[in-house]
Amino acid sequence: MPLVKKLAPAGFEPTPCWFSLAPDQVEGETVRCGYVAVPEHHAQPEGKWIRLAVALFGNPEEVKAKDPVVLLEGNPGVRAAYLASTLTRERVEALTPDRQLIVFDQRGVGASQPALECWEVGMPYPDPLRRCSARLQSQGIDITAYNTQESAGDVEALRVALGFQHINLRGSAYGSRLAMEVLRRAPQRVRSAIVDSVLPPRDNLYLQAVPGFDRSLRKVFELCAADAACNARHPSLEPLFSSVVQSLNARPLLVVFQTPEGRSGRMQVNGAIFVQFLHSFLQDPALLETLPAMLHALKEERTTLLGNAIGASPVLTSFMRLSYGMHLSTLCREEVSATTPEAVTTGAAGALPELQGFFLPTQLDMFNTCAQWPAGTAEAAWYEPVVSKVPTLLLSGEFDPVTPPELASAAVQSLKHGHHVVIAGGSHAVLSSHPCAADISRAFLLKPAVQPDISCAAEGRIRFLVEPPATTASQADGNEAR
C-alpha cells in the first residue's frame, strides 16, 4: 500500500483482526483491532504517513487499571500475529493483571503498512537485496526511517491515539532496546518498564555475539564438570565438543526431526550446521540440559537428542516470521554500521576454535549483507546510555548467550529506579520460560515503586540429562544408509 498524506491528528481506525484469535477470545469484545497512522518521520509530520496494525486485548469495561501494557516484540522485523494468535484470556490476564494488553506490528512489519517484505530473497535473482530495496524505494518508502528511534516515537503516538494517560512497557531482547529508547524519548507517560534479556543501545550485538556464545557454552561445560552424576557419565566436555564437530564435518549425520506443529523432516548435519543450532539450544534451558548427553550420543552417532532439539528450536521457522527488510533496516543501521569486521574478529579471538571457525563467519556475513541495504547510520547520541527515573525491572538469564547478564548490569547504573535480577538456571527470554521471572514481573507491575521480592531468582538450577534415550532402529538405518 502506498504511503499517504495525513495532516490530521492520529486516531484509531477499527478493522477486522489480521490474525486468528485464540478460541476464548471474542473479536470486538475481548479483542479490538485496527490501525493507527503515524508520520514516516516523526520530525516531519507534514510529510508522508504510515499505518500501524494494532490489537487491544481485554475488555475495557472489565479491567480495573487504566494504564495498559504495551508489548514490544523481540527480534526486529518479527510479526506480532504469531504471538497474538496464542493469547488466550487467561494468558493475557497472567501477563497484564487487571490491565489491557496492546500488541502491534512495528513499523515496516507484517500487517502494518507499508511492510518491508523482501520476497526476492530466496528467488533465483541476481542481487536480490538490491532488487528488494529498489522496489521499496520506488513505492516512495524511505528505508532509513524504519529504525528503533522512529519506532519509539510510534509507541508514544499509539498511546495518544488510543487515549491512554499512561502506559507500561514490556519488552524482551530487541524489545528491551525499543523500550529503553521510549524511556529516553518519552518517559513522562510511562508508568513502568519491564525489560528482559536486555540489549542496551551502547552494546553491539555483533561485537559480543561470539564471546556471549563462548561464555554460555563454557558455563555448561563447567557446570557439568561440577555435577557428580553429569561428570561421571559425560566427562571432559570441551574436548568431546571439539571431537564431535570434527567428526560431523568428516562424516555428517542424517537427523530426523519433528516440529511442535507435527511437521516431520530430515537433514544432513555437519559440524558447521551443528554449531549454528547449538547457539539456539543454549537459549532454551530445556534443551541446554540435554547438551552433555547430546554430545555423548553424537560421538556414538546417535541422533535422537539432536533431532528432538532441532524440532523444538525456532531456527527452522524464524526467517518465515520476519519482515526481512525491516529486520535489515534495524540491524544494519544500528549494529553493523557501528563496528567493523576486524573488531568483531578481534573480539572473538579468545573463543573456542569451533566457534571462531563456524559461528564467527555467519556474523561477518552481515557486513556483506548490509553493504547491499541502504539503511543509513544512527546518530552518535543513539549509543549513549539511557538515563531515566521510570521504575524499571531488568531481567537476565544466567546462561543467556545472546544478551548476557553483564549488559543489564551496566544498563541499570543509569536507571535511578532500576532493579536488575539474574534468574539462576535461566537463559534467553526468561519472562516466557521461567515461572520465577513471570512472578517477579507481575508483582513489579502491580507496585513498581516497591522493591520486588526476588528470592526465587536464586533457586533455579540446571538439571542435566545424564542418560540419553535408546537409539531407534529407523535412525540407525538412516545413518547406515548415507
Protein backbone atom coordinates (compact mmCIF):
# COMPACT_ATOMS: atom_id res chain seq x y z
CA MET A 1 0.00 0.00 0.00
CA PRO A 2 1.46 3.42 -0.94
CA LEU A 3 2.21 5.97 1.71
CA VAL A 4 -0.42 8.64 2.24
CA LYS A 5 -0.54 12.28 3.22
CA LYS A 6 -2.23 12.82 6.57
CA LEU A 7 -2.11 16.07 8.47
CA ALA A 8 -4.91 15.38 10.97
CA PRO A 9 -4.12 14.10 14.49
CA ALA A 10 -3.61 10.37 14.72
CA GLY A 11 -6.61 8.25 15.69
CA PHE A 12 -7.64 4.62 15.99
CA GLU A 13 -9.32 3.15 12.89
CA PRO A 14 -11.15 -0.11 13.79
CA THR A 15 -10.73 -3.01 11.35
CA PRO A 16 -11.10 -6.81 11.46
CA CYS A 17 -8.21 -8.57 13.20
CA TRP A 18 -5.45 -9.71 10.86
CA PHE A 19 -4.64 -12.86 12.84
CA SER A 20 -6.54 -15.89 14.14
CA LEU A 21 -7.84 -15.38 17.65
CA ALA A 22 -7.48 -17.89 20.46
CA PRO A 23 -10.74 -19.85 20.89
CA ASP A 24 -11.89 -17.99 24.01
CA GLN A 25 -11.34 -14.52 22.55
CA VAL A 26 -14.24 -12.58 21.01
CA GLU A 27 -13.45 -10.03 18.34
CA GLY A 28 -14.98 -6.67 19.16
CA GLU A 29 -15.39 -7.56 22.83
CA THR A 30 -12.24 -9.04 24.35
CA VAL A 31 -10.05 -8.07 21.39
CA ARG A 32 -10.25 -4.95 19.23
CA CYS A 33 -8.08 -4.48 16.16
CA GLY A 34 -7.37 -1.52 13.94
CA TYR A 35 -4.84 0.90 12.54
CA VAL A 36 -3.11 3.99 13.88
CA ALA A 37 -1.50 6.43 11.44
CA VAL A 38 1.90 7.91 12.31
CA PRO A 39 4.41 10.05 10.38
CA GLU A 40 7.07 8.11 8.49
CA HIS A 41 9.46 10.62 10.07
CA HIS A 42 8.14 11.93 13.38
CA ALA A 43 10.16 15.12 12.94
CA GLN A 44 8.32 15.75 9.65
CA PRO A 45 4.58 15.44 10.41
CA GLU A 46 3.80 17.40 7.27
CA GLY A 47 5.30 14.60 5.18
CA LYS A 48 4.21 11.04 4.45
CA TRP A 49 2.37 8.92 6.99
CA ILE A 50 2.26 5.17 7.53
CA ARG A 51 -0.17 2.87 9.36
CA LEU A 52 0.49 0.55 12.30
CA ALA A 53 -1.61 -2.59 12.83
CA VAL A 54 -2.73 -2.64 16.48
CA ALA A 55 -4.62 -5.10 18.69
CA LEU A 56 -6.01 -4.34 22.16
CA PHE A 57 -6.63 -7.37 24.34
CA GLY A 58 -9.01 -7.11 27.29
CA ASN A 59 -12.49 -5.71 27.66
CA PRO A 60 -12.05 -2.04 28.70
CA GLU A 61 -15.20 -2.28 30.85
CA GLU A 62 -13.78 -5.18 32.87
CA VAL A 63 -10.19 -4.07 33.56
CA LYS A 64 -9.54 -2.12 36.76
CA ALA A 65 -6.35 -0.26 35.86
CA LYS A 66 -6.38 2.29 33.04
CA ASP A 67 -2.68 2.05 32.15
CA PRO A 68 -2.25 -0.79 29.64
CA VAL A 69 0.86 -2.82 28.96
CA VAL A 70 2.45 -2.27 25.55
CA LEU A 71 4.17 -5.45 24.38
CA LEU A 72 7.35 -4.85 22.35
CA GLU A 73 8.44 -7.83 20.29
CA GLY A 74 11.96 -9.19 20.31
CA ASN A 75 13.94 -9.70 17.08
CA PRO A 76 13.44 -6.68 14.81
CA GLY A 77 11.02 -7.41 12.00
CA VAL A 78 9.16 -10.27 13.70
CA ARG A 79 5.42 -10.30 13.03
CA ALA A 80 3.09 -9.96 16.01
CA ALA A 81 0.49 -12.34 14.57
CA TYR A 82 2.41 -15.42 15.73
CA LEU A 83 2.19 -14.30 19.35
CA ALA A 84 -1.23 -12.65 19.17
CA SER A 85 -2.94 -15.82 17.95
CA THR A 86 -1.79 -17.66 21.11
CA LEU A 87 -3.10 -15.08 23.59
CA THR A 88 -5.96 -16.67 25.48
CA ARG A 89 -7.85 -14.59 28.03
CA GLU A 90 -6.06 -16.47 30.82
CA ARG A 91 -2.66 -15.74 29.33
CA VAL A 92 -3.46 -12.06 28.86
CA GLU A 93 -4.52 -11.81 32.50
CA ALA A 94 -1.30 -13.54 33.56
CA LEU A 95 0.79 -11.10 31.51
CA THR A 96 -1.11 -7.97 32.47
CA PRO A 97 -3.17 -8.35 35.67
CA ASP A 98 -6.27 -6.10 35.57
CA ARG A 99 -4.99 -4.29 32.50
CA GLN A 100 -5.38 -4.23 28.77
CA LEU A 101 -2.55 -5.52 26.60
CA ILE A 102 -1.52 -3.69 23.43
CA VAL A 103 0.13 -5.78 20.71
CA PHE A 104 1.16 -4.23 17.41
CA ASP A 105 3.18 -4.86 14.29
CA GLN A 106 6.03 -2.39 14.48
CA ARG A 107 6.57 -0.08 11.53
CA GLY A 108 7.60 -1.93 8.40
CA VAL A 109 6.38 -5.26 9.78
CA GLY A 110 3.60 -7.73 8.97
CA ALA A 111 0.17 -6.12 8.71
CA SER A 112 1.48 -2.59 9.21
CA GLN A 113 1.56 -0.53 6.03
CA PRO A 114 3.90 -0.50 4.31
CA ALA A 115 5.62 -3.75 5.29
CA LEU A 116 9.24 -4.11 4.28
CA GLU A 117 8.92 -7.61 2.85
CA CYS A 118 11.70 -8.99 0.65
CA TRP A 119 10.16 -11.80 -1.34
CA GLU A 120 13.11 -11.55 -3.75
CA VAL A 121 15.36 -13.24 -1.17
CA GLY A 122 15.42 -16.95 -1.92
CA MET A 123 14.40 -16.41 -5.55
CA PRO A 124 16.79 -17.06 -8.46
CA TYR A 125 17.59 -13.35 -8.93
CA PRO A 126 20.99 -11.69 -9.04
CA ASP A 127 21.35 -9.15 -6.21
CA PRO A 128 18.01 -9.96 -4.52
CA LEU A 129 18.53 -7.44 -1.71
CA ARG A 130 19.25 -4.60 -4.11
CA ARG A 131 16.18 -5.57 -6.12
CA CYS A 132 14.10 -5.54 -2.94
CA SER A 133 15.36 -2.15 -1.75
CA ALA A 134 14.86 -0.64 -5.22
CA ARG A 135 11.27 -1.91 -5.31
CA LEU A 136 10.50 -0.50 -1.87
CA GLN A 137 12.07 2.85 -2.70
CA SER A 138 10.11 3.02 -5.97
CA GLN A 139 6.96 2.83 -3.82
CA GLY A 140 8.02 6.01 -2.02
CA ILE A 141 9.35 4.26 1.10
CA ASP A 142 12.30 5.87 2.88
CA ILE A 143 14.12 2.81 4.18
CA THR A 144 16.19 4.92 6.57
CA ALA A 145 13.01 5.79 8.53
CA TYR A 146 12.49 2.21 9.70
CA ASN A 147 14.55 2.09 12.87
CA THR A 148 14.29 1.98 16.65
CA GLN A 149 14.24 5.74 17.16
CA GLU A 150 11.22 6.20 14.90
CA SER A 151 9.57 3.11 16.45
CA ALA A 152 9.95 4.71 19.88
CA GLY A 153 8.01 7.68 18.55
CA ASP A 154 5.36 5.25 17.34
CA VAL A 155 4.81 3.93 20.87
CA GLU A 156 4.04 7.42 22.14
CA ALA A 157 1.78 8.03 19.12
CA LEU A 158 -0.12 4.82 19.92
CA ARG A 159 -0.69 6.00 23.48
CA VAL A 160 -2.13 9.29 22.25
CA ALA A 161 -4.27 7.70 19.55
CA LEU A 162 -5.75 5.13 21.93
CA GLY A 163 -6.48 7.73 24.58
CA PHE A 164 -4.39 6.46 27.49
CA GLN A 165 -2.80 8.83 30.00
CA HIS A 166 -0.03 6.38 30.94
CA ILE A 167 1.33 3.06 29.69
CA ASN A 168 3.58 0.28 30.95
CA LEU A 169 6.28 -1.20 28.70
CA ARG A 170 7.21 -4.86 28.40
CA GLY A 171 9.98 -5.88 26.01
CA SER A 172 12.37 -8.77 25.51
CA ALA A 173 15.71 -8.78 23.65
CA TYR A 174 15.28 -6.23 20.83
CA GLY A 175 12.02 -5.24 22.53
CA SER A 176 14.08 -4.22 25.57
CA ARG A 177 16.14 -1.91 23.38
CA LEU A 178 12.96 -0.33 21.97
CA ALA A 179 11.55 0.06 25.50
CA MET A 180 14.71 1.82 26.66
CA GLU A 181 14.54 4.20 23.70
CA VAL A 182 10.97 5.07 24.71
CA LEU A 183 12.30 5.79 28.22
CA ARG A 184 14.85 8.12 26.66
CA ARG A 185 12.46 9.95 24.33
CA ALA A 186 9.04 9.96 26.03
CA PRO A 187 9.36 8.99 29.70
CA GLN A 188 6.65 11.29 31.07
CA ARG A 189 3.78 8.95 30.24
CA VAL A 190 5.50 5.65 31.13
CA ARG A 191 4.40 4.27 34.49
CA SER A 192 6.82 1.31 34.50
CA ALA A 193 9.05 -0.76 32.25
CA ILE A 194 9.86 -4.47 32.36
CA VAL A 195 12.76 -5.46 30.12
CA ASP A 196 14.01 -9.00 29.67
CA SER A 197 17.23 -10.20 28.01
CA VAL A 198 18.42 -6.61 27.97
CA LEU A 199 20.18 -5.20 24.91
CA PRO A 200 21.18 -1.61 25.70
CA PRO A 201 21.99 0.70 22.76
CA ARG A 202 25.62 1.04 23.85
CA ASP A 203 26.26 -2.72 23.43
CA ASN A 204 26.81 -4.00 19.92
CA LEU A 205 25.09 -7.27 19.09
CA TYR A 206 27.82 -8.43 16.72
CA LEU A 207 30.77 -7.46 18.90
CA GLN A 208 29.51 -9.65 21.72
CA ALA A 209 27.89 -12.46 19.67
CA VAL A 210 30.83 -14.89 19.66
CA PRO A 211 32.06 -14.03 23.19
CA GLY A 212 28.49 -14.46 24.51
CA PHE A 213 28.18 -17.85 22.81
CA ASP A 214 31.56 -18.90 24.17
CA ARG A 215 30.69 -17.78 27.72
CA SER A 216 27.42 -19.70 27.76
CA LEU A 217 28.88 -22.91 26.34
CA ARG A 218 31.83 -22.88 28.74
CA LYS A 219 29.40 -22.41 31.65
CA VAL A 220 27.63 -25.61 30.57
CA PHE A 221 30.96 -27.46 30.46
CA GLU A 222 31.94 -26.13 33.89
CA LEU A 223 28.58 -26.88 35.49
CA CYS A 224 28.57 -30.45 34.20
CA ALA A 225 32.11 -30.94 35.50
CA ALA A 226 30.96 -29.77 38.94
CA ASP A 227 27.93 -32.10 38.90
CA ALA A 228 29.00 -35.58 40.05
CA ALA A 229 26.42 -37.50 38.02
CA CYS A 230 26.90 -35.43 34.86
CA ASN A 231 30.68 -35.56 35.07
CA ALA A 232 30.70 -39.32 35.66
CA ARG A 233 28.63 -40.01 32.54
CA HIS A 234 29.85 -37.12 30.35
CA PRO A 235 33.39 -36.12 31.39
CA SER A 236 35.72 -33.73 29.56
CA LEU A 237 33.01 -31.94 27.59
CA GLU A 238 35.25 -29.37 25.91
CA PRO A 239 37.45 -31.91 24.08
CA LEU A 240 34.33 -34.00 23.43
CA PHE A 241 32.65 -30.99 21.79
CA SER A 242 35.70 -30.39 19.60
CA SER A 243 35.80 -34.05 18.62
CA VAL A 244 32.09 -34.11 17.74
CA VAL A 245 32.35 -31.05 15.48
CA GLN A 246 35.36 -32.54 13.68
CA SER A 247 33.59 -35.89 13.32
CA LEU A 248 30.42 -34.30 11.93
CA ASN A 249 32.43 -32.35 9.37
CA ALA A 250 34.17 -35.54 8.28
CA ARG A 251 31.01 -37.66 8.35
CA PRO A 252 27.70 -35.72 8.53
CA LEU A 253 24.80 -37.48 10.20
CA LEU A 254 21.27 -37.79 8.88
CA VAL A 255 18.96 -36.35 11.56
CA VAL A 256 15.21 -36.88 11.71
CA PHE A 257 13.12 -34.23 13.48
CA GLN A 258 9.53 -33.16 14.07
CA THR A 259 8.32 -29.62 14.81
CA PRO A 260 5.79 -28.83 17.56
CA GLU A 261 3.19 -28.43 14.78
CA GLY A 262 3.74 -32.06 13.78
CA ARG A 263 5.77 -31.46 10.62
CA SER A 264 8.44 -34.08 10.06
CA GLY A 265 11.75 -33.58 8.29
CA ARG A 266 15.30 -34.78 7.95
CA MET A 267 18.61 -33.11 7.25
CA GLN A 268 22.28 -33.86 6.96
CA VAL A 269 24.05 -32.17 9.88
CA ASN A 270 27.74 -31.41 9.65
CA GLY A 271 29.88 -29.64 12.23
CA ALA A 272 29.17 -26.15 10.95
CA ILE A 273 25.40 -26.69 10.98
CA PHE A 274 25.58 -28.23 14.45
CA VAL A 275 27.37 -25.15 15.80
CA GLN A 276 24.63 -22.88 14.40
CA PHE A 277 21.92 -24.96 16.06
CA LEU A 278 23.91 -25.16 19.30
CA HIS A 279 23.64 -21.38 19.69
CA SER A 280 19.84 -21.67 19.71
CA PHE A 281 19.88 -24.71 22.05
CA LEU A 282 21.74 -22.65 24.65
CA GLN A 283 18.87 -20.14 24.67
CA ASP A 284 16.37 -22.71 25.97
CA PRO A 285 17.04 -24.27 29.40
CA ALA A 286 15.10 -27.41 28.47
CA LEU A 287 17.43 -28.01 25.51
CA LEU A 288 20.51 -26.79 27.36
CA GLU A 289 20.01 -29.54 29.93
CA THR A 290 20.39 -32.18 27.21
CA LEU A 291 23.67 -30.88 25.74
CA PRO A 292 26.17 -33.11 27.62
CA ALA A 293 24.13 -36.20 26.78
CA MET A 294 23.66 -34.96 23.21
CA LEU A 295 27.41 -34.59 22.68
CA HIS A 296 27.99 -38.05 24.13
CA ALA A 297 25.32 -39.51 21.84
CA LEU A 298 26.66 -37.78 18.73
CA LYS A 299 30.11 -39.18 19.44
CA GLU A 300 28.43 -42.60 19.13
CA GLU A 301 26.46 -41.44 16.04
CA ARG A 302 23.12 -41.48 17.88
CA THR A 303 20.92 -38.59 16.81
CA THR A 304 17.68 -38.79 18.80
CA LEU A 305 18.50 -35.95 21.17
CA LEU A 306 19.77 -33.72 18.36
CA GLY A 307 16.64 -34.41 16.33
CA ASN A 308 14.41 -33.57 19.28
CA ALA A 309 16.28 -30.32 19.83
CA ILE A 310 16.20 -29.30 16.16
CA GLY A 311 12.46 -29.90 16.07
CA ALA A 312 11.94 -27.72 19.15
CA SER A 313 14.32 -24.96 18.03
CA PRO A 314 12.90 -21.81 16.38
CA VAL A 315 15.80 -21.72 13.89
CA LEU A 316 13.88 -23.56 11.17
CA THR A 317 10.95 -21.12 11.19
CA SER A 318 12.43 -17.81 12.38
CA PHE A 319 13.05 -16.40 8.89
CA MET A 320 9.45 -17.06 7.86
CA ARG A 321 8.24 -14.94 10.78
CA LEU A 322 10.21 -11.86 9.72
CA SER A 323 9.56 -8.86 7.54
CA TYR A 324 13.14 -9.16 6.37
CA GLY A 325 13.56 -5.62 5.07
CA MET A 326 12.69 -4.18 8.48
CA HIS A 327 15.00 -6.72 10.13
CA LEU A 328 17.88 -5.49 7.98
CA SER A 329 16.99 -1.81 8.32
CA THR A 330 17.31 -2.02 12.09
CA LEU A 331 20.38 -4.24 12.37
CA CYS A 332 22.35 -2.64 9.55
CA ARG A 333 21.70 0.90 10.76
CA GLU A 334 22.19 0.42 14.49
CA GLU A 335 24.59 -2.52 14.80
CA VAL A 336 26.62 -3.29 11.69
CA SER A 337 27.34 0.33 10.76
CA ALA A 338 28.76 0.96 14.24
CA THR A 339 31.56 -1.62 14.09
CA THR A 340 33.90 -3.38 11.65
CA PRO A 341 34.69 -6.96 10.63
CA GLU A 342 38.14 -6.51 12.16
CA ALA A 343 36.68 -5.51 15.54
CA VAL A 344 34.27 -8.45 15.54
CA THR A 345 37.09 -10.85 14.65
CA THR A 346 39.35 -9.42 17.35
CA GLY A 347 36.57 -9.70 19.93
CA ALA A 348 36.18 -13.39 19.10
CA ALA A 349 39.87 -14.20 19.50
CA GLY A 350 39.52 -15.88 22.89
CA ALA A 351 36.57 -18.09 21.95
CA LEU A 352 36.63 -21.83 21.36
CA PRO A 353 38.18 -22.61 17.95
CA GLU A 354 34.96 -24.22 16.70
CA LEU A 355 33.02 -21.01 17.36
CA GLN A 356 35.67 -18.93 15.60
CA GLY A 357 35.62 -21.34 12.68
CA PHE A 358 31.89 -21.87 12.18
CA PHE A 359 29.92 -19.18 14.09
CA LEU A 360 32.10 -16.12 13.54
CA PRO A 361 31.75 -16.29 9.71
CA THR A 362 27.95 -16.04 9.97
CA GLN A 363 28.37 -12.82 11.98
CA LEU A 364 30.84 -11.41 9.46
CA ASP A 365 28.43 -12.22 6.62
CA MET A 366 26.17 -9.42 7.88
CA PHE A 367 28.71 -6.84 6.72
CA ASN A 368 28.33 -8.09 3.13
CA THR A 369 24.56 -8.19 3.53
CA CYS A 370 24.32 -4.67 4.91
CA ALA A 371 26.52 -3.32 2.12
CA GLN A 372 23.56 -4.09 -0.14
CA TRP A 373 20.90 -2.47 2.08
CA PRO A 374 20.55 1.37 2.27
CA ALA A 375 19.68 1.61 5.96
CA GLY A 376 21.85 4.63 6.75
CA THR A 377 23.63 5.09 10.08
CA ALA A 378 22.41 6.02 13.55
CA GLU A 379 23.49 9.29 15.12
CA ALA A 380 26.11 9.18 17.87
CA ALA A 381 23.58 10.09 20.58
CA TRP A 382 21.74 6.82 19.95
CA TYR A 383 24.59 4.88 21.58
CA GLU A 384 24.61 6.90 24.79
CA PRO A 385 23.40 5.17 27.99
CA VAL A 386 19.69 5.63 28.70
CA VAL A 387 19.15 7.81 31.77
CA SER A 388 15.70 7.51 33.35
CA LYS A 389 13.76 7.82 36.60
CA VAL A 390 10.96 5.49 35.45
CA PRO A 391 10.71 2.36 37.66
CA THR A 392 12.33 -0.34 35.56
CA LEU A 393 12.75 -4.08 36.12
CA LEU A 394 15.64 -5.66 34.20
CA LEU A 395 15.69 -9.46 33.94
CA SER A 396 18.55 -11.67 32.75
CA GLY A 397 19.13 -15.39 32.41
CA GLU A 398 22.32 -16.87 33.85
CA PHE A 399 23.18 -18.82 30.66
CA ASP A 400 21.97 -16.35 28.03
CA PRO A 401 24.37 -16.48 25.04
CA VAL A 402 22.75 -13.51 23.23
CA THR A 403 22.28 -10.89 25.95
CA PRO A 404 24.43 -11.98 28.93
CA PRO A 405 23.63 -10.51 32.36
CA GLU A 406 26.61 -8.16 32.19
CA LEU A 407 24.75 -6.00 29.66
CA ALA A 408 21.86 -5.34 32.05
CA SER A 409 24.27 -4.84 34.97
CA ALA A 410 25.81 -1.93 33.07
CA ALA A 411 22.49 -0.52 31.85
CA VAL A 412 20.89 -0.37 35.31
CA GLN A 413 23.58 2.04 36.53
CA SER A 414 21.87 4.97 34.80
CA LEU A 415 18.32 3.95 35.75
CA LYS A 416 17.58 5.67 39.06
CA HIS A 417 14.73 3.32 39.99
CA GLY A 418 16.05 0.25 38.20
CA HIS A 419 16.24 -3.27 39.63
CA HIS A 420 18.35 -5.95 37.91
CA VAL A 421 17.53 -9.60 38.60
CA VAL A 422 19.50 -12.57 37.27
CA ILE A 423 17.48 -15.78 37.07
CA ALA A 424 19.64 -18.75 38.09
CA GLY A 425 19.28 -21.58 35.58
CA GLY A 426 17.61 -19.23 33.09
CA SER A 427 18.75 -18.30 29.62
CA HIS A 428 17.32 -16.09 26.89
CA ALA A 429 13.81 -14.57 27.25
CA VAL A 430 13.24 -15.65 30.86
CA LEU A 431 9.82 -14.00 31.00
CA SER A 432 8.45 -16.65 28.68
CA SER A 433 10.41 -19.61 30.04
CA HIS A 434 10.84 -19.21 33.79
CA PRO A 435 7.95 -19.02 36.30
CA CYS A 436 10.05 -17.04 38.78
CA ALA A 437 10.67 -14.25 36.26
CA ALA A 438 6.95 -14.13 35.47
CA ASP A 439 6.07 -13.92 39.19
CA ILE A 440 8.56 -11.11 39.81
CA SER A 441 7.30 -9.16 36.81
CA ARG A 442 3.66 -9.44 37.89
CA ALA A 443 4.49 -8.17 41.39
CA PHE A 444 6.52 -5.32 39.93
CA LEU A 445 3.73 -4.33 37.54
CA LEU A 446 1.26 -4.08 40.42
CA LYS A 447 3.63 -1.98 42.60
CA PRO A 448 6.56 -0.64 40.56
CA ALA A 449 7.63 1.75 43.33
CA VAL A 450 8.23 -1.17 45.71
CA GLN A 451 11.35 -3.35 45.65
CA PRO A 452 10.11 -6.73 44.36
CA ASP A 453 10.68 -9.98 46.23
CA ILE A 454 13.35 -11.72 44.16
CA SER A 455 14.09 -14.64 46.49
CA CYS A 456 13.01 -17.20 43.87
CA ALA A 457 15.64 -15.92 41.40
CA ALA A 458 18.45 -17.81 43.14
CA GLU A 459 16.51 -21.07 43.41
CA GLY A 460 16.64 -22.17 39.78
CA ARG A 461 19.17 -24.70 38.57
CA ILE A 462 20.07 -26.73 35.53
CA ARG A 463 19.38 -30.45 35.87
CA PHE A 464 21.38 -32.22 33.22
CA LEU A 465 20.04 -35.26 31.43
CA VAL A 466 22.50 -37.99 32.31
CA GLU A 467 21.34 -40.94 30.23
CA PRO A 468 20.32 -40.40 26.59
CA PRO A 469 17.33 -42.38 25.27
CA ALA A 470 17.92 -45.54 23.28
CA THR A 471 18.57 -45.12 19.57
CA THR A 472 15.63 -46.02 17.35
CA ALA A 473 16.07 -48.58 14.63
CA SER A 474 14.96 -46.11 11.96
CA GLN A 475 17.66 -43.59 12.90
CA ALA A 476 20.33 -46.24 12.95
CA ASP A 477 19.23 -47.47 9.49
CA GLY A 478 19.18 -43.87 8.20
CA ASN A 479 22.76 -43.19 9.18
CA GLU A 480 23.97 -46.51 7.90
CA ALA A 481 22.37 -45.71 4.54
CA ARG A 482 24.19 -42.46 3.93
